[in-house]
């Protein structure tokens, strides 16, 4: 868990993903369309990815990918991110985190 905390504290937006997950791809595309450049960790390609996935699971993210952190805080998965977007709450969060300037 400490490793995950360190990873998410270093960048404004961090997404834990898997290369085969279509929902992860969708969420990454959403952020890119906003002009946000998220840091993406593909858990099936990095060392200790399984260990990180288990730590994310303990945070309550089910399924474990995509797992989105904004400003070092756990936001949730695809459902939570899309819900924030539909409520027009996602962009203000990204601005507060310093990931979006417009």
Protein backbone atom coordinates (compact mmCIF):
# COMPACT_ATOMS: atom_id res chain seq x y z
CA UNK A 1 0.00 0.00 0.00
CA UNK A 2 2.88 2.34 0.74
CA UNK A 3 4.18 1.81 -2.79
CA UNK A 4 0.80 2.81 -4.27
CA UNK A 5 0.66 5.92 -2.05
CA UNK A 6 4.09 6.99 -3.28
CA UNK A 7 3.20 6.38 -6.92
CA UNK A 8 -0.02 8.42 -6.78
CA UNK A 9 1.47 11.31 -4.83
CA UNK A 10 4.04 12.08 -7.53
CA UNK A 11 1.66 13.15 -10.34
CA UNK A 12 -1.68 15.02 -10.55
CA UNK A 13 -3.52 12.15 -12.29
CA UNK A 14 -2.56 8.48 -12.02
CA UNK A 15 -4.44 5.62 -13.63
CA UNK A 16 -3.73 1.98 -12.91
CA UNK A 17 -4.72 -0.02 -15.94
CA UNK A 18 -4.23 -3.24 -17.86
CA UNK A 19 -3.42 -3.34 -21.54
CA UNK A 20 -6.37 -5.66 -22.24
CA UNK A 21 -9.00 -3.61 -20.38
CA UNK A 22 -11.33 -1.67 -22.69
CA UNK A 23 -12.72 0.44 -19.81
CA UNK A 24 -9.22 1.52 -18.88
CA UNK A 25 -8.65 2.58 -22.48
CA UNK A 26 -11.93 4.54 -22.41
CA UNK A 27 -11.02 6.42 -19.21
CA UNK A 28 -7.50 7.20 -20.46
CA UNK A 29 -9.04 8.54 -23.70
CA UNK A 30 -11.48 10.71 -21.73
CA UNK A 31 -8.63 12.36 -19.83
CA UNK A 32 -6.62 12.78 -23.02
CA UNK A 33 -9.61 14.44 -24.72
CA UNK A 34 -9.64 16.97 -21.86
CA UNK A 35 -5.97 17.71 -22.54
CA UNK A 36 -4.85 15.92 -19.39
CA UNK A 37 -1.75 13.75 -19.60
CA UNK A 38 -2.32 11.07 -16.95
CA UNK A 39 0.44 8.86 -15.66
CA UNK A 40 -0.64 5.35 -16.59
CA UNK A 41 0.72 2.21 -14.97
CA UNK A 42 -0.14 -0.93 -16.91
CA UNK A 43 -0.28 -3.53 -14.15
CA UNK A 44 0.22 -6.42 -16.55
CA UNK A 45 3.47 -4.89 -17.79
CA UNK A 46 5.21 -3.60 -14.66
CA UNK A 47 7.09 -5.47 -11.98
CA UNK A 48 5.04 -6.09 -8.85
CA UNK A 49 1.88 -5.29 -10.81
CA UNK A 50 -0.04 -8.10 -9.11
CA UNK A 51 0.95 -6.76 -5.68
CA UNK A 52 -0.23 -3.26 -6.67
CA UNK A 53 -3.49 -4.70 -7.97
CA UNK A 54 -4.11 -6.36 -4.60
CA UNK A 55 -3.46 -3.07 -2.79
CA UNK A 56 -5.94 -1.31 -5.09
CA UNK A 57 -8.48 -4.03 -4.35
CA UNK A 58 -8.10 -3.33 -0.63
CA UNK A 59 -9.05 0.31 -1.34
CA UNK A 60 -12.41 -0.98 -2.53
CA UNK A 61 -11.91 -0.70 -6.27
CA UNK A 62 -13.73 -3.61 -7.84
CA UNK A 63 -12.89 -4.32 -10.60
CA UNK A 64 -9.35 -3.25 -9.86
CA UNK A 65 -8.79 -1.47 -13.17
CA UNK A 66 -9.10 1.23 -14.10
CA UNK A 67 -8.23 2.76 -10.73
CA UNK A 68 -8.08 6.55 -10.93
CA UNK A 69 -6.30 8.87 -8.51
CA UNK A 70 -6.59 12.64 -8.82
CA UNK A 71 -4.46 14.88 -6.63
CA UNK A 72 -3.23 11.84 -4.74
CA UNK A 73 -6.77 10.84 -3.75
CA UNK A 74 -8.52 7.67 -4.85
CA UNK A 75 -11.49 8.61 -7.06
CA UNK A 76 -12.60 5.13 -8.09
CA UNK A 77 -13.04 3.17 -11.27
CA UNK A 78 -14.74 3.81 -14.57
CA UNK A 79 -18.25 4.16 -13.09
CA UNK A 80 -17.17 6.78 -10.57
CA UNK A 81 -15.17 8.76 -13.12
CA UNK A 82 -18.03 8.77 -15.64
CA UNK A 83 -20.49 9.76 -12.92
CA UNK A 84 -18.27 12.71 -11.94
CA UNK A 85 -18.00 13.68 -15.60
CA UNK A 86 -21.78 13.61 -16.10
CA UNK A 87 -22.26 15.72 -12.95
CA UNK A 88 -19.70 18.20 -14.34
CA UNK A 89 -17.53 17.62 -11.28
CA UNK A 90 -14.56 15.96 -12.97
CA UNK A 91 -13.01 19.00 -14.66
CA UNK A 92 -13.03 21.08 -11.44
CA UNK A 93 -11.24 18.20 -9.67
CA UNK A 94 -8.64 18.11 -12.42
CA UNK A 95 -8.13 21.87 -12.19
CA UNK A 96 -7.65 21.71 -8.40
CA UNK A 97 -5.07 18.95 -8.85
CA UNK A 98 -3.14 21.05 -11.38
CA UNK A 99 -3.78 18.63 -14.25
CA UNK A 100 -5.97 20.98 -16.27
CA UNK A 101 -5.57 24.71 -16.77
CA UNK A 102 -8.45 25.65 -19.08
